[in-house]
C-alpha atoms as a PDB file:
ATOM      1  CA  MET A   1    -114.094 -22.954  29.410  1.00  0.00           C
ATOM      2  CA  GLU A   2    -117.001 -23.056  26.956  1.00  0.00           C
ATOM      3  CA  ARG A   3    -119.964 -20.792  27.631  1.00  0.00           C
ATOM      4  CA  VAL A   4    -123.355 -22.510  27.598  1.00  0.00           C
ATOM      5  CA  LEU A   5    -126.100 -20.486  25.918  1.00  0.00           C
ATOM      6  CA  LYS A   6    -129.666 -20.694  27.170  1.00  0.00           C
ATOM      7  CA  HIS A   7    -132.636 -20.452  24.796  1.00  0.00           C
ATOM      8  CA  LYS A   8    -134.751 -17.333  25.389  1.00  0.00           C
ATOM      9  CA  PHE A   9    -138.031 -18.763  24.040  1.00  0.00           C
ATOM     10  CA  PRO A  10    -139.595 -22.033  25.286  1.00  0.00           C
ATOM     11  CA  VAL A  11    -141.453 -24.484  23.017  1.00  0.00           C
ATOM     12  CA  GLY A  12    -144.991 -23.282  22.266  1.00  0.00           C
ATOM     13  CA  THR A  13    -144.137 -19.556  22.384  1.00  0.00           C
ATOM     14  CA  ARG A  14    -145.495 -17.291  19.612  1.00  0.00           C
ATOM     15  CA  VAL A  15    -142.739 -15.151  18.056  1.00  0.00           C
ATOM     16  CA  LEU A  16    -142.227 -12.733  15.180  1.00  0.00           C
ATOM     17  CA  PHE A  17    -139.657 -13.879  12.611  1.00  0.00           C
ATOM     18  CA  THR A  18    -137.475 -11.527  10.567  1.00  0.00           C
ATOM     19  CA  ALA A  19    -135.862 -13.261   7.593  1.00  0.00           C
ATOM     20  CA  SER A  20    -132.365 -12.260   6.505  1.00  0.00           C
ATOM     21  CA  ASN A  21    -131.881 -10.783   3.044  1.00  0.00           C
ATOM     22  CA  VAL A  22    -130.160 -13.943   1.790  1.00  0.00           C
ATOM     23  CA  ALA A  23    -132.849 -16.339   3.024  1.00  0.00           C
ATOM     24  CA  ARG A  24    -135.877 -17.468   1.085  1.00  0.00           C
ATOM     25  CA  PRO A  25    -138.932 -15.230   1.447  1.00  0.00           C
ATOM     26  CA  ALA A  26    -140.846 -15.955   4.638  1.00  0.00           C
ATOM     27  CA  ALA A  27    -144.528 -15.627   5.374  1.00  0.00           C
ATOM     28  CA  SER A  28    -145.339 -12.572   7.446  1.00  0.00           C
ATOM     29  CA  GLY A  29    -147.017 -12.908  10.812  1.00  0.00           C
ATOM     30  CA  SER A  30    -146.265 -14.919  13.878  1.00  0.00           C
ATOM     31  CA  TYR A  31    -144.629 -18.298  14.216  1.00  0.00           C
ATOM     32  CA  GLU A  32    -144.706 -20.906  16.952  1.00  0.00           C
ATOM     33  CA  ILE A  33    -141.560 -22.382  18.493  1.00  0.00           C
ATOM     34  CA  ILE A  34    -141.767 -26.113  17.678  1.00  0.00           C
ATOM     35  CA  ARG A  35    -138.391 -27.334  18.946  1.00  0.00           C
ATOM     36  CA  LEU A  36    -135.181 -26.020  20.528  1.00  0.00           C
ATOM     37  CA  LEU A  37    -132.110 -26.764  18.415  1.00  0.00           C
ATOM     38  CA  PRO A  38    -128.385 -26.736  19.267  1.00  0.00           C
ATOM     39  CA  THR A  39    -126.628 -23.383  19.216  1.00  0.00           C
ATOM     40  CA  GLU A  40    -124.646 -22.202  16.207  1.00  0.00           C
ATOM     41  CA  GLY A  41    -121.793 -19.925  17.219  1.00  0.00           C
ATOM     42  CA  ASP A  42    -123.165 -17.308  19.613  1.00  0.00           C
ATOM     43  CA  ASP A  43    -126.820 -17.750  18.580  1.00  0.00           C
ATOM     44  CA  CYS A  44    -129.429 -20.243  19.799  1.00  0.00           C
ATOM     45  CA  GLN A  45    -131.502 -21.890  17.081  1.00  0.00           C
ATOM     46  CA  TYR A  46    -135.146 -22.933  16.901  1.00  0.00           C
ATOM     47  CA  ARG A  47    -137.478 -24.856  14.627  1.00  0.00           C
ATOM     48  CA  ILE A  48    -140.478 -22.588  13.972  1.00  0.00           C
ATOM     49  CA  LYS A  49    -143.812 -23.021  12.158  1.00  0.00           C
ATOM     50  CA  SER A  50    -146.252 -20.536  10.673  1.00  0.00           C
ATOM     51  CA  SER A  51    -149.918 -21.449  10.309  1.00  0.00           C
ATOM     52  CA  THR A  52    -149.748 -20.024   6.753  1.00  0.00           C
ATOM     53  CA  GLU A  53    -146.950 -22.351   5.574  1.00  0.00           C
ATOM     54  CA  ALA A  54    -146.976 -26.124   5.157  1.00  0.00           C
ATOM     55  CA  PHE A  55    -143.390 -26.551   6.385  1.00  0.00           C
ATOM     56  CA  GLU A  56    -141.189 -25.653   9.349  1.00  0.00           C
ATOM     57  CA  ARG A  57    -138.207 -23.297   9.300  1.00  0.00           C
ATOM     58  CA  VAL A  58    -134.972 -23.064  11.261  1.00  0.00           C
ATOM     59  CA  ALA A  59    -134.375 -19.631  12.770  1.00  0.00           C
ATOM     60  CA  LYS A  60    -131.660 -18.072  14.882  1.00  0.00           C
ATOM     61  CA  GLU A  61    -132.642 -16.338  18.103  1.00  0.00           C
ATOM     62  CA  SER A  62    -131.380 -13.019  16.684  1.00  0.00           C
ATOM     63  CA  GLN A  63    -134.119 -13.277  14.003  1.00  0.00           C
ATOM     64  CA  LEU A  64    -136.928 -13.675  16.566  1.00  0.00           C
ATOM     65  CA  ALA A  65    -138.854 -11.244  18.761  1.00  0.00           C
ATOM     66  CA  GLN A  66    -141.585 -11.783  21.339  1.00  0.00           C
ATOM     67  CA  SER A  67    -144.978 -11.703  19.605  1.00  0.00           C
END
């Protein structure tokens, strides 16, 4: 039986993003959860946006912390 993962952060939540070493450099500061995305493996995914960047990013829940 497949386990269903539940997203920890709802849309509109402010979070802190920690980029992995292999990812492109990310702006420091807080991000806003824009959209909940399907899970990838054992990690929920989100679309996030920083007010200091003109684009959105995709982040795994393990890269996010409550702001």
